[in-house]
Amino acid sequence: MNLVYGALLLHSAGKPINEANVKKVAEAAGEKVEEAQIKALVAALEGVNIEDAISKAAMPVAAAAPAAVAGEAKKEEKKEEDEAKKAEEAAAGLGALFG
């Protein structure tokens, strides 16, 4: 996974994602580097539009966020209603003491 992060770092820096650069990033991070993993990663990323892949991966998260906020708002609303109802019940109970 750290090699993938290294590839993303290279991409964001505008550097080519090749075996030598990925190896340098991994070694700079103190990772033990296996040549086969680096070759496999570089081969897998060959021809991949990383910007497009990132935007597609981020879309479901962005779409789920408003639904989560709406759910939280409903929970808060229900909690406030429950508190108001409990306060009414408590007041009704106190009224019976004097009634």
Protein backbone atom coordinates (compact mmCIF):
# COMPACT_ATOMS: atom_id res chain seq x y z
CA MET A 1 0.00 0.00 0.00
CA ASN A 2 2.88 2.35 0.73
CA LEU A 3 4.05 1.96 -2.85
CA VAL A 4 0.65 3.17 -4.04
CA TYR A 5 0.96 6.20 -1.78
CA GLY A 6 4.40 6.79 -3.23
CA ALA A 7 2.96 6.67 -6.74
CA LEU A 8 0.26 9.16 -5.75
CA LEU A 9 2.91 11.42 -4.25
CA LEU A 10 4.88 11.30 -7.49
CA HIS A 11 1.74 12.05 -9.46
CA SER A 12 0.86 15.06 -7.31
CA ALA A 13 4.43 16.35 -7.67
CA GLY A 14 4.19 16.02 -11.46
CA LYS A 15 6.97 13.44 -11.62
CA PRO A 16 6.84 10.38 -13.84
CA ILE A 17 5.71 7.20 -12.14
CA ASN A 18 8.44 4.78 -13.07
CA GLU A 19 10.37 2.08 -11.24
CA ALA A 20 13.31 4.31 -10.32
CA ASN A 21 11.15 7.10 -8.87
CA VAL A 22 8.87 4.75 -6.94
CA LYS A 23 11.94 3.01 -5.51
CA LYS A 24 13.45 6.35 -4.43
CA VAL A 25 10.25 7.40 -2.66
CA ALA A 26 9.91 4.04 -0.90
CA GLU A 27 13.53 4.05 0.24
CA ALA A 28 13.23 7.66 1.44
CA ALA A 29 10.26 6.58 3.55
CA GLY A 30 12.34 3.78 5.07
CA GLU A 31 10.44 0.95 3.38
CA LYS A 32 12.03 -2.33 2.37
CA VAL A 33 11.69 -2.36 -1.38
CA GLU A 34 10.91 -5.45 -3.42
CA GLU A 35 11.62 -5.00 -7.10
CA ALA A 36 8.77 -7.30 -8.12
CA GLN A 37 6.20 -5.17 -6.27
CA ILE A 38 7.52 -1.99 -7.85
CA LYS A 39 7.43 -3.53 -11.33
CA ALA A 40 3.89 -4.79 -10.77
CA LEU A 41 2.69 -1.39 -9.54
CA VAL A 42 4.26 0.53 -12.42
CA ALA A 43 2.85 -1.98 -14.92
CA ALA A 44 -0.61 -1.74 -13.35
CA LEU A 45 -0.58 2.06 -13.49
CA GLU A 46 0.63 2.21 -17.08
CA GLY A 47 -2.04 3.91 -19.17
CA VAL A 48 -4.23 4.74 -16.16
CA ASN A 49 -5.55 8.30 -15.90
CA ILE A 50 -4.92 8.84 -12.18
CA GLU A 51 -6.93 12.09 -11.99
CA ASP A 52 -9.95 10.31 -13.45
CA ALA A 53 -9.54 7.35 -11.09
CA ILE A 54 -9.32 9.66 -8.07
CA SER A 55 -12.41 11.61 -9.06
CA LYS A 56 -14.43 8.42 -9.62
CA ALA A 57 -13.31 7.01 -6.27
CA ALA A 58 -14.24 10.23 -4.44
CA MET A 59 -17.73 10.58 -5.92
CA PRO A 60 -19.60 8.02 -3.77
CA VAL A 61 -18.20 9.56 -0.61
CA ALA A 62 -19.34 13.03 -1.65
CA ALA A 63 -22.81 11.75 -2.50
CA ALA A 64 -23.17 9.95 0.83
CA ALA A 65 -22.21 13.00 2.90
CA PRO A 66 -25.48 14.96 2.45
CA ALA A 67 -27.51 11.87 3.36
CA ALA A 68 -25.51 11.47 6.56
CA VAL A 69 -26.04 15.12 7.46
CA ALA A 70 -29.78 14.79 6.85
CA GLY A 71 -29.87 11.70 9.04
CA GLU A 72 -28.12 13.55 11.84
CA ALA A 73 -30.56 16.45 11.56
CA LYS A 74 -33.50 14.04 11.88
CA LYS A 75 -31.90 12.45 14.96
CA GLU A 76 -31.43 15.87 16.56
CA GLU A 77 -35.02 16.82 15.73
CA LYS A 78 -36.35 13.60 17.24
CA LYS A 79 -34.16 14.07 20.32
CA GLU A 80 -35.54 17.58 20.82
CA GLU A 81 -39.10 16.28 20.42
CA ASP A 82 -38.43 13.51 22.95
CA GLU A 83 -37.00 16.01 25.43
CA ALA A 84 -40.01 18.30 25.00
CA LYS A 85 -42.39 15.37 25.50
CA LYS A 86 -40.56 14.29 28.68
CA ALA A 87 -40.72 17.85 30.01
CA GLU A 88 -44.51 17.94 29.38
CA GLU A 89 -44.98 14.61 31.13
CA ALA A 90 -42.93 15.79 34.09
CA ALA A 91 -44.96 19.00 34.29
CA ALA A 92 -48.21 17.04 34.13
CA GLY A 93 -47.00 14.82 36.95
CA LEU A 94 -46.16 17.85 39.09
CA GLY A 95 -49.58 19.37 38.39
CA ALA A 96 -51.24 16.30 39.90
CA LEU A 97 -49.46 17.03 43.18
CA PHE A 98 -51.25 20.36 43.54
CA GLY A 99 -54.47 19.45 41.87
